[in-house]
C-alpha atoms as a PDB file:
ATOM      1  CA  MET A   1      15.173   5.834  18.399  1.00  0.00           C
ATOM      2  CA  SER A   2      16.774   5.888  14.803  1.00  0.00           C
ATOM      3  CA  ILE A   3      16.481   2.146  14.444  1.00  0.00           C
ATOM      4  CA  VAL A   4      13.810  -0.140  15.843  1.00  0.00           C
ATOM      5  CA  ARG A   5      15.373  -3.482  16.671  1.00  0.00           C
ATOM      6  CA  CYS A   6      12.682  -6.281  16.279  1.00  0.00           C
ATOM      7  CA  ALA A   7      12.270  -9.784  17.052  1.00  0.00           C
ATOM      8  CA  VAL A   8       9.696 -11.991  15.471  1.00  0.00           C
ATOM      9  CA  LEU A   9       7.917 -14.590  17.569  1.00  0.00           C
ATOM     10  CA  GLY A  10       6.445 -17.387  15.176  1.00  0.00           C
ATOM     11  CA  ALA A  11       8.049 -18.608  12.069  1.00  0.00           C
ATOM     12  CA  GLY A  12       4.770 -19.721  10.348  1.00  0.00           C
ATOM     13  CA  ARG A  13       3.134 -18.204   7.386  1.00  0.00           C
ATOM     14  CA  ILE A  14       2.231 -14.856   8.870  1.00  0.00           C
ATOM     15  CA  GLY A  15       5.523 -14.732  10.971  1.00  0.00           C
ATOM     16  CA  ARG A  16       7.423 -15.352   7.676  1.00  0.00           C
ATOM     17  CA  ILE A  17       5.528 -12.486   6.237  1.00  0.00           C
ATOM     18  CA  HIS A  18       6.495  -9.915   8.847  1.00  0.00           C
ATOM     19  CA  ALA A  19       9.940 -11.129   9.273  1.00  0.00           C
ATOM     20  CA  GLY A  20      10.586 -10.626   5.395  1.00  0.00           C
ATOM     21  CA  ASN A  21       9.062  -7.152   5.569  1.00  0.00           C
ATOM     22  CA  LEU A  22      11.207  -6.131   8.732  1.00  0.00           C
ATOM     23  CA  ALA A  23      14.513  -7.729   7.131  1.00  0.00           C
ATOM     24  CA  LYS A  24      14.032  -6.242   3.710  1.00  0.00           C
ATOM     25  CA  HIS A  25      11.260  -3.769   3.101  1.00  0.00           C
ATOM     26  CA  VAL A  26      10.612  -1.806   6.410  1.00  0.00           C
ATOM     27  CA  GLU A  27      12.760   1.383   6.673  1.00  0.00           C
ATOM     28  CA  HIS A  28      14.409   2.051   9.967  1.00  0.00           C
ATOM     29  CA  ALA A  29      13.997  -1.472  11.190  1.00  0.00           C
ATOM     30  CA  GLU A  30      16.329  -4.190  12.000  1.00  0.00           C
ATOM     31  CA  LEU A  31      15.282  -7.772  12.482  1.00  0.00           C
ATOM     32  CA  VAL A  32      17.529  -9.191  15.252  1.00  0.00           C
ATOM     33  CA  ALA A  33      15.909 -12.298  16.246  1.00  0.00           C
ATOM     34  CA  VAL A  34      13.414 -15.026  15.268  1.00  0.00           C
ATOM     35  CA  ALA A  35      11.760 -17.443  17.806  1.00  0.00           C
ATOM     36  CA  ASP A  36       9.538 -20.474  17.240  1.00  0.00           C
ATOM     37  CA  VAL A  37       9.064 -23.773  19.394  1.00  0.00           C
ATOM     38  CA  ASP A  38       9.681 -25.591  16.035  1.00  0.00           C
ATOM     39  CA  GLU A  39      13.345 -24.471  16.233  1.00  0.00           C
ATOM     40  CA  PRO A  40      14.367 -25.781  12.729  1.00  0.00           C
ATOM     41  CA  ALA A  41      11.637 -23.399  11.261  1.00  0.00           C
ATOM     42  CA  ALA A  42      13.195 -20.541  13.182  1.00  0.00           C
ATOM     43  CA  VAL A  43      16.639 -21.481  12.142  1.00  0.00           C
ATOM     44  CA  GLU A  44      15.584 -21.719   8.375  1.00  0.00           C
ATOM     45  CA  LEU A  45      13.871 -18.313   8.522  1.00  0.00           C
ATOM     46  CA  ALA A  46      16.579 -16.715  10.237  1.00  0.00           C
ATOM     47  CA  GLY A  47      19.260 -18.170   7.989  1.00  0.00           C
ATOM     48  CA  ARG A  48      17.292 -17.212   4.805  1.00  0.00           C
ATOM     49  CA  LEU A  49      17.069 -13.599   5.979  1.00  0.00           C
ATOM     50  CA  ARG A  50      20.474 -13.433   7.680  1.00  0.00           C
ATOM     51  CA  VAL A  51      19.290 -12.808  10.903  1.00  0.00           C
ATOM     52  CA  PRO A  52      21.798 -13.382  13.887  1.00  0.00           C
ATOM     53  CA  VAL A  53      19.411 -15.062  16.494  1.00  0.00           C
ATOM     54  CA  ALA A  54      17.304 -18.179  16.022  1.00  0.00           C
ATOM     55  CA  THR A  55      15.778 -19.913  19.014  1.00  0.00           C
ATOM     56  CA  ALA A  56      13.020 -22.007  20.214  1.00  0.00           C
ATOM     57  CA  ASP A  57      12.661 -19.916  23.420  1.00  0.00           C
ATOM     58  CA  CYS A  58      10.346 -16.910  23.016  1.00  0.00           C
ATOM     59  CA  THR A  59      10.827 -15.961  26.543  1.00  0.00           C
ATOM     60  CA  ALA A  60      14.468 -15.713  26.137  1.00  0.00           C
ATOM     61  CA  VAL A  61      14.128 -13.269  23.165  1.00  0.00           C
ATOM     62  CA  LEU A  62      11.960 -11.064  25.524  1.00  0.00           C
ATOM     63  CA  SER A  63      14.783 -10.501  27.797  1.00  0.00           C
ATOM     64  CA  ARG A  64      17.409  -9.385  25.407  1.00  0.00           C
ATOM     65  CA  ASP A  65      18.739  -5.950  25.678  1.00  0.00           C
ATOM     66  CA  ASP A  66      19.135  -5.701  21.765  1.00  0.00           C
ATOM     67  CA  VAL A  67      15.378  -6.033  21.223  1.00  0.00           C
ATOM     68  CA  ASP A  68      13.120  -2.967  21.394  1.00  0.00           C
ATOM     69  CA  ALA A  69       9.972  -4.506  20.082  1.00  0.00           C
ATOM     70  CA  VAL A  70       8.476  -7.980  19.438  1.00  0.00           C
ATOM     71  CA  VAL A  71       6.060  -9.092  16.693  1.00  0.00           C
ATOM     72  CA  ILE A  72       3.810 -11.760  17.950  1.00  0.00           C
ATOM     73  CA  ALA A  73       2.686 -14.033  15.154  1.00  0.00           C
ATOM     74  CA  THR A  74       2.226 -17.219  17.135  1.00  0.00           C
ATOM     75  CA  PRO A  75      -1.129 -19.075  17.520  1.00  0.00           C
ATOM     76  CA  THR A  76      -3.930 -17.222  19.253  1.00  0.00           C
ATOM     77  CA  SER A  77      -3.666 -19.461  22.208  1.00  0.00           C
ATOM     78  CA  THR A  78      -0.135 -18.128  23.082  1.00  0.00           C
ATOM     79  CA  HIS A  79      -0.926 -14.497  22.796  1.00  0.00           C
ATOM     80  CA  TYR A  80      -2.047 -13.753  26.389  1.00  0.00           C
ATOM     81  CA  ASP A  81       1.099 -15.032  28.039  1.00  0.00           C
ATOM     82  CA  LEU A  82       3.389 -13.752  25.551  1.00  0.00           C
ATOM     83  CA  ILE A  83       1.878 -10.232  25.534  1.00  0.00           C
ATOM     84  CA  LEU A  84       1.924 -10.083  29.339  1.00  0.00           C
ATOM     85  CA  GLU A  85       5.560 -11.158  29.394  1.00  0.00           C
ATOM     86  CA  ALA A  86       6.531  -8.496  26.675  1.00  0.00           C
ATOM     87  CA  VAL A  87       4.759  -6.012  28.823  1.00  0.00           C
ATOM     88  CA  ALA A  88       6.713  -6.998  31.944  1.00  0.00           C
ATOM     89  CA  ALA A  89      10.008  -6.819  29.911  1.00  0.00           C
ATOM     90  CA  GLY A  90       9.084  -3.246  28.574  1.00  0.00           C
ATOM     91  CA  LYS A  91       8.893  -4.346  25.001  1.00  0.00           C
ATOM     92  CA  ALA A  92       6.881  -2.629  22.372  1.00  0.00           C
ATOM     93  CA  ILE A  93       4.343  -5.008  21.034  1.00  0.00           C
ATOM     94  CA  PHE A  94       2.901  -5.827  17.705  1.00  0.00           C
ATOM     95  CA  THR A  95       0.226  -8.717  18.103  1.00  0.00           C
ATOM     96  CA  GLU A  96      -1.568 -10.394  15.295  1.00  0.00           C
ATOM     97  CA  LYS A  97      -5.310 -10.627  15.557  1.00  0.00           C
ATOM     98  CA  PRO A  98      -7.227 -11.585  17.427  1.00  0.00           C
ATOM     99  CA  ILE A  99      -5.494 -10.398  20.748  1.00  0.00           C
ATOM    100  CA  ASP A 100      -7.240 -13.355  22.325  1.00  0.00           C
ATOM    101  CA  LEU A 101     -10.356 -15.331  21.889  1.00  0.00           C
ATOM    102  CA  GLU A 102     -11.885 -14.187  25.396  1.00  0.00           C
ATOM    103  CA  LEU A 103     -12.932 -10.619  26.015  1.00  0.00           C
ATOM    104  CA  VAL A 104     -11.966 -10.863  29.727  1.00  0.00           C
ATOM    105  CA  ARG A 105      -8.414 -11.735  28.828  1.00  0.00           C
ATOM    106  CA  ILE A 106      -8.303  -9.024  26.188  1.00  0.00           C
ATOM    107  CA  ASP A 107      -9.334  -6.499  28.990  1.00  0.00           C
ATOM    108  CA  ALA A 108      -6.494  -7.831  31.123  1.00  0.00           C
ATOM    109  CA  ILE A 109      -4.134  -7.429  28.365  1.00  0.00           C
ATOM    110  CA  ASN A 110      -5.161  -3.760  27.621  1.00  0.00           C
ATOM    111  CA  ALA A 111      -5.167  -2.863  31.274  1.00  0.00           C
ATOM    112  CA  ALA A 112      -1.520  -4.179  31.746  1.00  0.00           C
ATOM    113  CA  VAL A 113      -0.572  -2.441  28.500  1.00  0.00           C
ATOM    114  CA  ALA A 114      -1.974   0.972  29.838  1.00  0.00           C
ATOM    115  CA  ALA A 115      -0.577   0.547  33.137  1.00  0.00           C
ATOM    116  CA  ARG A 116       2.994  -0.074  32.124  1.00  0.00           C
ATOM    117  CA  GLY A 117       2.762   2.465  29.224  1.00  0.00           C
ATOM    118  CA  VAL A 118       3.969  -0.099  26.550  1.00  0.00           C
ATOM    119  CA  PRO A 119       3.146   0.718  22.993  1.00  0.00           C
ATOM    120  CA  MET A 120       0.828  -2.073  21.460  1.00  0.00           C
ATOM    121  CA  MET A 121      -0.471  -2.450  17.925  1.00  0.00           C
ATOM    122  CA  VAL A 122      -2.830  -4.958  16.585  1.00  0.00           C
ATOM    123  CA  GLY A 123      -2.573  -6.484  13.145  1.00  0.00           C
ATOM    124  CA  PHE A 124      -5.475  -5.664  11.066  1.00  0.00           C
ATOM    125  CA  GLN A 125      -3.448  -5.269   7.914  1.00  0.00           C
ATOM    126  CA  ARG A 126      -6.530  -4.533   5.667  1.00  0.00           C
ATOM    127  CA  ARG A 127      -6.617  -0.980   7.048  1.00  0.00           C
ATOM    128  CA  PHE A 128      -3.318  -0.433   5.367  1.00  0.00           C
ATOM    129  CA  ASP A 129      -4.230  -1.790   1.812  1.00  0.00           C
ATOM    130  CA  PRO A 130      -4.046   1.482  -0.338  1.00  0.00           C
ATOM    131  CA  ASP A 131      -7.504   0.809  -1.793  1.00  0.00           C
ATOM    132  CA  PHE A 132      -9.247   0.436   1.488  1.00  0.00           C
ATOM    133  CA  ALA A 133      -7.409   3.330   2.935  1.00  0.00           C
ATOM    134  CA  ARG A 134      -8.549   5.562  -0.036  1.00  0.00           C
ATOM    135  CA  LEU A 135     -11.955   4.457   0.435  1.00  0.00           C
ATOM    136  CA  ARG A 136     -11.921   5.449   3.971  1.00  0.00           C
ATOM    137  CA  GLU A 137     -10.636   8.875   2.980  1.00  0.00           C
ATOM    138  CA  VAL A 138     -13.452   9.382   0.531  1.00  0.00           C
ATOM    139  CA  VAL A 139     -15.981   8.452   3.173  1.00  0.00           C
ATOM    140  CA  ALA A 140     -14.514  10.544   5.965  1.00  0.00           C
ATOM    141  CA  SER A 141     -14.318  13.722   3.723  1.00  0.00           C
ATOM    142  CA  GLY A 142     -17.932  13.678   2.902  1.00  0.00           C
ATOM    143  CA  GLY A 143     -17.360  12.311  -0.677  1.00  0.00           C
ATOM    144  CA  ILE A 144     -20.531  10.145  -0.621  1.00  0.00           C
ATOM    145  CA  GLY A 145     -22.486  12.064   1.936  1.00  0.00           C
ATOM    146  CA  SER A 146     -24.046  10.357   4.857  1.00  0.00           C
ATOM    147  CA  VAL A 147     -23.376   6.653   4.894  1.00  0.00           C
ATOM    148  CA  HIS A 148     -26.477   4.433   4.156  1.00  0.00           C
ATOM    149  CA  LEU A 149     -25.152   1.078   3.291  1.00  0.00           C
ATOM    150  CA  VAL A 150     -21.916  -0.868   3.510  1.00  0.00           C
ATOM    151  CA  ARG A 151     -21.435  -4.080   1.606  1.00  0.00           C
ATOM    152  CA  ILE A 152     -18.326  -6.348   2.161  1.00  0.00           C
ATOM    153  CA  THR A 153     -17.591  -9.561   0.358  1.00  0.00           C
ATOM    154  CA  SER A 154     -14.689 -11.735   1.872  1.00  0.00           C
ATOM    155  CA  ARG A 155     -13.995 -15.094   0.425  1.00  0.00           C
ATOM    156  CA  ASP A 156     -10.773 -17.019   0.849  1.00  0.00           C
ATOM    157  CA  ALA A 157      -9.321 -18.791  -1.897  1.00  0.00           C
ATOM    158  CA  VAL A 158      -7.627 -21.691   0.143  1.00  0.00           C
ATOM    159  CA  LEU A 159      -9.262 -23.824   2.847  1.00  0.00           C
ATOM    160  CA  PRO A 160      -7.482 -23.978   6.319  1.00  0.00           C
ATOM    161  CA  HIS A 161      -5.921 -26.935   7.640  1.00  0.00           C
ATOM    162  CA  ARG A 162      -8.190 -28.926  10.158  1.00  0.00           C
ATOM    163  CA  SER A 163      -5.614 -28.327  12.787  1.00  0.00           C
ATOM    164  CA  PHE A 164      -5.837 -24.715  12.573  1.00  0.00           C
ATOM    165  CA  ILE A 165      -9.711 -24.608  12.695  1.00  0.00           C
ATOM    166  CA  ALA A 166      -9.801 -26.162  16.180  1.00  0.00           C
ATOM    167  CA  THR A 167      -7.714 -23.301  17.878  1.00  0.00           C
ATOM    168  CA  SER A 168      -8.592 -20.436  15.521  1.00  0.00           C
ATOM    169  CA  GLY A 169     -11.731 -19.440  17.304  1.00  0.00           C
ATOM    170  CA  GLY A 170     -13.734 -20.378  14.312  1.00  0.00           C
ATOM    171  CA  LEU A 171     -15.057 -18.603  11.073  1.00  0.00           C
ATOM    172  CA  PHE A 172     -16.307 -15.352  12.900  1.00  0.00           C
ATOM    173  CA  LEU A 173     -13.341 -14.827  15.238  1.00  0.00           C
ATOM    174  CA  ASP A 174     -10.634 -15.823  12.731  1.00  0.00           C
ATOM    175  CA  MET A 175     -12.067 -14.518   9.528  1.00  0.00           C
ATOM    176  CA  THR A 176     -14.843 -12.258   9.789  1.00  0.00           C
ATOM    177  CA  VAL A 177     -13.377 -10.227  12.538  1.00  0.00           C
ATOM    178  CA  HIS A 178     -11.292  -8.613   9.840  1.00  0.00           C
ATOM    179  CA  ASP A 179     -14.539  -7.462   7.811  1.00  0.00           C
ATOM    180  CA  LEU A 180     -16.124  -6.263  11.205  1.00  0.00           C
ATOM    181  CA  ASP A 181     -13.131  -4.176  11.756  1.00  0.00           C
ATOM    182  CA  MET A 182     -13.274  -2.785   8.152  1.00  0.00           C
ATOM    183  CA  VAL A 183     -16.744  -1.625   8.942  1.00  0.00           C
ATOM    184  CA  ARG A 184     -15.575   0.296  11.735  1.00  0.00           C
ATOM    185  CA  PHE A 185     -12.672   1.532   9.720  1.00  0.00           C
ATOM    186  CA  VAL A 186     -14.337   2.807   6.523  1.00  0.00           C
ATOM    187  CA  THR A 187     -17.362   4.278   8.268  1.00  0.00           C
ATOM    188  CA  GLY A 188     -15.860   5.632  11.436  1.00  0.00           C
ATOM    189  CA  ARG A 189     -18.996   4.310  13.131  1.00  0.00           C
ATOM    190  CA  GLU A 190     -19.563   1.757  15.824  1.00  0.00           C
ATOM    191  CA  VAL A 191     -21.758  -1.337  15.265  1.00  0.00           C
ATOM    192  CA  VAL A 192     -24.647  -1.434  17.761  1.00  0.00           C
ATOM    193  CA  GLY A 193     -26.274  -4.939  16.686  1.00  0.00           C
ATOM    194  CA  VAL A 194     -25.621  -7.986  14.469  1.00  0.00           C
ATOM    195  CA  TYR A 195     -27.760 -10.682  13.045  1.00  0.00           C
ATOM    196  CA  ALA A 196     -25.674 -13.471  11.575  1.00  0.00           C
ATOM    197  CA  ARG A 197     -26.566 -16.752   9.714  1.00  0.00           C
ATOM    198  CA  ALA A 198     -23.943 -19.400   8.997  1.00  0.00           C
ATOM    199  CA  SER A 199     -23.847 -22.839   7.330  1.00  0.00           C
ATOM    200  CA  VAL A 200     -21.561 -25.651   6.470  1.00  0.00           C
ATOM    201  CA  LEU A 201     -21.477 -25.695   2.558  1.00  0.00           C
ATOM    202  CA  VAL A 202     -17.809 -26.211   1.521  1.00  0.00           C
ATOM    203  CA  ASP A 203     -16.319 -29.005   3.748  1.00  0.00           C
ATOM    204  CA  PRO A 204     -17.926 -31.283   6.361  1.00  0.00           C
ATOM    205  CA  MET A 205     -14.774 -30.982   8.429  1.00  0.00           C
ATOM    206  CA  PHE A 206     -16.009 -27.494   9.616  1.00  0.00           C
ATOM    207  CA  ALA A 207     -19.154 -29.143  11.143  1.00  0.00           C
ATOM    208  CA  GLU A 208     -16.993 -31.824  12.563  1.00  0.00           C
ATOM    209  CA  GLU A 209     -15.021 -29.080  14.402  1.00  0.00           C
ATOM    210  CA  GLY A 210     -18.101 -27.246  15.479  1.00  0.00           C
ATOM    211  CA  ASP A 211     -17.606 -24.470  13.004  1.00  0.00           C
ATOM    212  CA  TRP A 212     -19.124 -22.934   9.772  1.00  0.00           C
ATOM    213  CA  ASP A 213     -17.576 -22.172   6.444  1.00  0.00           C
ATOM    214  CA  THR A 214     -20.164 -19.811   5.011  1.00  0.00           C
ATOM    215  CA  ALA A 215     -22.083 -16.853   6.636  1.00  0.00           C
ATOM    216  CA  VAL A 216     -23.982 -13.741   5.812  1.00  0.00           C
ATOM    217  CA  LEU A 217     -24.097 -10.912   8.585  1.00  0.00           C
ATOM    218  CA  THR A 218     -26.399  -7.816   8.690  1.00  0.00           C
ATOM    219  CA  LEU A 219     -25.075  -5.125  10.960  1.00  0.00           C
ATOM    220  CA  THR A 220     -26.769  -1.953  12.363  1.00  0.00           C
ATOM    221  CA  LEU A 221     -24.462   0.944  12.966  1.00  0.00           C
ATOM    222  CA  GLU A 222     -24.714   4.158  15.007  1.00  0.00           C
ATOM    223  CA  GLY A 223     -27.395   6.352  13.297  1.00  0.00           C
ATOM    224  CA  GLY A 224     -29.164   3.556  11.621  1.00  0.00           C
ATOM    225  CA  ALA A 225     -26.920   2.707   8.742  1.00  0.00           C
ATOM    226  CA  LEU A 226     -26.791  -0.900   7.743  1.00  0.00           C
ATOM    227  CA  ALA A 227     -23.956  -3.220   6.549  1.00  0.00           C
ATOM    228  CA  THR A 228     -23.796  -6.511   5.234  1.00  0.00           C
ATOM    229  CA  ILE A 229     -20.898  -9.083   5.110  1.00  0.00           C
ATOM    230  CA  ASP A 230     -20.745 -12.207   3.257  1.00  0.00           C
ATOM    231  CA  ASN A 231     -18.099 -14.955   3.919  1.00  0.00           C
ATOM    232  CA  SER A 232     -16.781 -18.131   2.362  1.00  0.00           C
ATOM    233  CA  ARG A 233     -13.886 -20.146   3.089  1.00  0.00           C
ATOM    234  CA  ARG A 234     -13.488 -21.280  -0.536  1.00  0.00           C
ATOM    235  CA  ALA A 235     -13.655 -19.299  -3.518  1.00  0.00           C
ATOM    236  CA  VAL A 236     -12.482 -21.390  -6.351  1.00  0.00           C
ATOM    237  CA  TYR A 237     -11.520 -18.562  -8.547  1.00  0.00           C
ATOM    238  CA  GLY A 238      -9.123 -16.580  -6.180  1.00  0.00           C
ATOM    239  CA  GLN A 239      -9.060 -14.414  -3.220  1.00  0.00           C
ATOM    240  CA  ASP A 240     -12.314 -12.229  -3.480  1.00  0.00           C
ATOM    241  CA  GLN A 241     -12.153  -9.088  -1.495  1.00  0.00           C
ATOM    242  CA  ARG A 242     -14.723  -6.187  -2.121  1.00  0.00           C
ATOM    243  CA  VAL A 243     -15.966  -3.277  -0.155  1.00  0.00           C
ATOM    244  CA  GLU A 244     -18.817  -0.805  -1.267  1.00  0.00           C
ATOM    245  CA  VAL A 245     -19.989   2.172   0.698  1.00  0.00           C
ATOM    246  CA  PHE A 246     -23.223   3.703  -0.481  1.00  0.00           C
ATOM    247  CA  GLY A 247     -24.416   7.037   0.784  1.00  0.00           C
ATOM    248  CA  SER A 248     -26.686  10.128   0.287  1.00  0.00           C
ATOM    249  CA  LYS A 249     -24.546  11.630  -2.373  1.00  0.00           C
ATOM    250  CA  GLY A 250     -23.161   8.667  -4.099  1.00  0.00           C
ATOM    251  CA  ALA A 251     -21.086   5.428  -3.778  1.00  0.00           C
ATOM    252  CA  ALA A 252     -17.412   4.230  -3.384  1.00  0.00           C
ATOM    253  CA  ALA A 253     -16.030   0.915  -3.993  1.00  0.00           C
ATOM    254  CA  ALA A 254     -12.647  -0.989  -3.661  1.00  0.00           C
ATOM    255  CA  HIS A 255     -12.653  -3.873  -6.180  1.00  0.00           C
ATOM    256  CA  ASN A 256     -10.649  -7.084  -6.296  1.00  0.00           C
ATOM    257  CA  HIS A 257      -6.917  -7.405  -7.282  1.00  0.00           C
ATOM    258  CA  VAL A 258      -5.870  -9.318 -10.387  1.00  0.00           C
ATOM    259  CA  ARG A 259      -2.672 -10.624 -11.530  1.00  0.00           C
ATOM    260  CA  ASP A 260      -2.593  -8.005 -14.437  1.00  0.00           C
ATOM    261  CA  ARG A 261      -5.197  -5.824 -16.078  1.00  0.00           C
ATOM    262  CA  VAL A 262      -4.720  -7.181 -19.667  1.00  0.00           C
ATOM    263  CA  ALA A 263      -7.911  -8.350 -21.250  1.00  0.00           C
ATOM    264  CA  VAL A 264      -7.881 -10.558 -24.382  1.00  0.00           C
ATOM    265  CA  ALA A 265     -10.775 -10.863 -26.834  1.00  0.00           C
ATOM    266  CA  ASP A 266     -10.842 -13.689 -29.385  1.00  0.00           C
ATOM    267  CA  ALA A 267     -13.266 -15.899 -31.263  1.00  0.00           C
ATOM    268  CA  SER A 268     -14.349 -17.739 -27.978  1.00  0.00           C
ATOM    269  CA  GLY A 269     -14.929 -14.505 -25.905  1.00  0.00           C
ATOM    270  CA  ARG A 270     -13.421 -11.974 -23.758  1.00  0.00           C
ATOM    271  CA  HIS A 271     -10.832 -13.297 -21.332  1.00  0.00           C
ATOM    272  CA  ALA A 272      -9.180 -11.621 -18.151  1.00  0.00           C
ATOM    273  CA  ALA A 273      -6.440 -12.576 -15.637  1.00  0.00           C
ATOM    274  CA  PRO A 274      -7.582 -14.412 -12.496  1.00  0.00           C
ATOM    275  CA  LEU A 275      -7.601 -12.870  -8.995  1.00  0.00           C
ATOM    276  CA  LEU A 276      -4.639 -13.121  -6.736  1.00  0.00           C
ATOM    277  CA  PRO A 277      -4.384 -16.769  -5.340  1.00  0.00           C
ATOM    278  CA  PHE A 278      -4.630 -15.906  -1.666  1.00  0.00           C
ATOM    279  CA  PHE A 279      -4.319 -13.265   1.108  1.00  0.00           C
ATOM    280  CA  PRO A 280      -0.661 -13.174   1.303  1.00  0.00           C
ATOM    281  CA  GLU A 281      -0.453 -12.069  -2.424  1.00  0.00           C
ATOM    282  CA  ARG A 282      -3.522  -9.796  -2.035  1.00  0.00           C
ATOM    283  CA  TYR A 283      -2.318  -8.060   0.931  1.00  0.00           C
ATOM    284  CA  ALA A 284       1.347  -8.063   0.309  1.00  0.00           C
ATOM    285  CA  GLU A 285       1.583  -4.375   0.226  1.00  0.00           C
ATOM    286  CA  ALA A 286      -0.908  -3.976   3.180  1.00  0.00           C
ATOM    287  CA  TYR A 287       1.507  -6.074   5.399  1.00  0.00           C
ATOM    288  CA  ARG A 288       4.394  -3.907   4.542  1.00  0.00           C
ATOM    289  CA  ARG A 289       2.679  -0.688   5.062  1.00  0.00           C
ATOM    290  CA  GLU A 290       1.302  -2.001   8.378  1.00  0.00           C
ATOM    291  CA  MET A 291       4.716  -2.819   9.639  1.00  0.00           C
ATOM    292  CA  GLN A 292       6.124   0.524   8.475  1.00  0.00           C
ATOM    293  CA  ALA A 293       3.338   1.995  10.473  1.00  0.00           C
ATOM    294  CA  PHE A 294       4.235   0.220  13.600  1.00  0.00           C
ATOM    295  CA  VAL A 295       7.926   1.210  13.279  1.00  0.00           C
ATOM    296  CA  ASP A 296       7.300   4.710  12.262  1.00  0.00           C
ATOM    297  CA  ALA A 297       4.950   5.315  15.306  1.00  0.00           C
ATOM    298  CA  LEU A 298       7.782   3.807  17.614  1.00  0.00           C
ATOM    299  CA  ARG A 299      10.435   6.046  16.047  1.00  0.00           C
ATOM    300  CA  LEU A 300       8.527   9.205  16.246  1.00  0.00           C
ATOM    301  CA  GLY A 301       6.570   8.720  19.459  1.00  0.00           C
ATOM    302  CA  ARG A 302       3.083   8.772  17.691  1.00  0.00           C
ATOM    303  CA  PRO A 303       0.085   6.791  18.950  1.00  0.00           C
ATOM    304  CA  MET A 304      -0.291   3.384  17.630  1.00  0.00           C
ATOM    305  CA  PRO A 305      -2.725   3.458  14.416  1.00  0.00           C
ATOM    306  CA  VAL A 306      -4.533   0.110  15.519  1.00  0.00           C
ATOM    307  CA  THR A 307      -5.011  -0.070  19.189  1.00  0.00           C
ATOM    308  CA  GLY A 308      -5.866  -2.762  21.868  1.00  0.00           C
ATOM    309  CA  GLU A 309      -9.306  -1.140  21.953  1.00  0.00           C
ATOM    310  CA  ASP A 310      -9.680  -1.636  18.468  1.00  0.00           C
ATOM    311  CA  GLY A 311      -8.821  -5.204  18.676  1.00  0.00           C
ATOM    312  CA  ARG A 312     -11.243  -5.716  21.751  1.00  0.00           C
ATOM    313  CA  ARG A 313     -14.078  -3.990  19.583  1.00  0.00           C
ATOM    314  CA  ALA A 314     -13.606  -6.167  16.542  1.00  0.00           C
ATOM    315  CA  THR A 315     -13.557  -9.282  18.927  1.00  0.00           C
ATOM    316  CA  ALA A 316     -16.723  -8.320  20.635  1.00  0.00           C
ATOM    317  CA  LEU A 317     -18.443  -7.924  17.320  1.00  0.00           C
ATOM    318  CA  ALA A 318     -17.275 -11.381  16.175  1.00  0.00           C
ATOM    319  CA  VAL A 319     -18.417 -12.996  19.526  1.00  0.00           C
ATOM    320  CA  ALA A 320     -21.861 -11.356  19.008  1.00  0.00           C
ATOM    321  CA  ALA A 321     -22.055 -12.636  15.512  1.00  0.00           C
ATOM    322  CA  ALA A 322     -21.237 -16.277  16.681  1.00  0.00           C
ATOM    323  CA  GLN A 323     -23.921 -16.072  19.243  1.00  0.00           C
ATOM    324  CA  SER A 324     -26.403 -14.684  16.703  1.00  0.00           C
ATOM    325  CA  ALA A 325     -25.692 -17.592  14.462  1.00  0.00           C
ATOM    326  CA  ARG A 326     -25.876 -20.125  16.999  1.00  0.00           C
ATOM    327  CA  GLU A 327     -29.101 -18.731  18.684  1.00  0.00           C
ATOM    328  CA  ASN A 328     -30.687 -17.468  15.249  1.00  0.00           C
ATOM    329  CA  ARG A 329     -31.368 -13.959  16.693  1.00  0.00           C
ATOM    330  CA  TYR A 330     -30.390 -10.409  16.740  1.00  0.00           C
ATOM    331  CA  VAL A 331     -27.653  -9.661  19.226  1.00  0.00           C
ATOM    332  CA  ALA A 332     -27.350  -6.182  20.562  1.00  0.00           C
ATOM    333  CA  VAL A 333     -23.688  -4.923  21.071  1.00  0.00           C
ATOM    334  CA  GLU A 334     -22.942  -2.453  23.860  1.00  0.00           C
END
């Protein structure tokens, strides 16, 4: 196909990001419809992007002949039904992570996708960040030798709303899942075990919702390499995102992004620009590249760069991490 005609389901924060990229920044793509149960939100987004169709009926969008692919950016609890409806309609699918919160439902989705032969990509946008992609290239090419240690720091700058916490799956399935996928991505290895400790140190609302806001994980990879992940829901100084891989021949690291690289020195000291304020700004380029990769794979008949199996494996690790934190023990991952 020369042009991929897309519909975005969900006009919330992540839906607006994907819709904006499809309408303005992704080549060979056309945004033809926006749907959200909050119809005014869909109408506002469609009007701002000059999209012809805005509706509260996601199912109706899936039946349209002028839609080749759907981008599912609705709450996780809706993914299962929407994905299966898209599969039945024969539409290509981009779904935000996690695919679902339950592994058995992810297995059902992946089986349906395979049986129908429908392309499906899962939204782990950090894989498309230029720095993290370069880090993977260095590691894969043997630039640091054999991998011994991986260190990931991932701390959000803005607290989620209480209403989001209750349906998100919690810290590990909502936030840490990105970092677990990054361990697999940058090393090319699977995780065989996890030990996690978690606390509520930022806001008591997390405990009230049965969740945590701070965690440290130690992972064992195939071949014995180790990885650590530290998470916090609130970094007062900005979006803190760092990855380092240490190996037998050296180390490679991807550092934080700042507003600018100008440093000022005066009588009071040396001053630098702050970190970017939140993940939409930090990963703006990654989101664009991610959606471009989805469209290009469809146009050119290539395999999807992030598969349902990738989504399942990251979710399985997040489930294991949550179990480890609850039970205070090491959890092996098959």
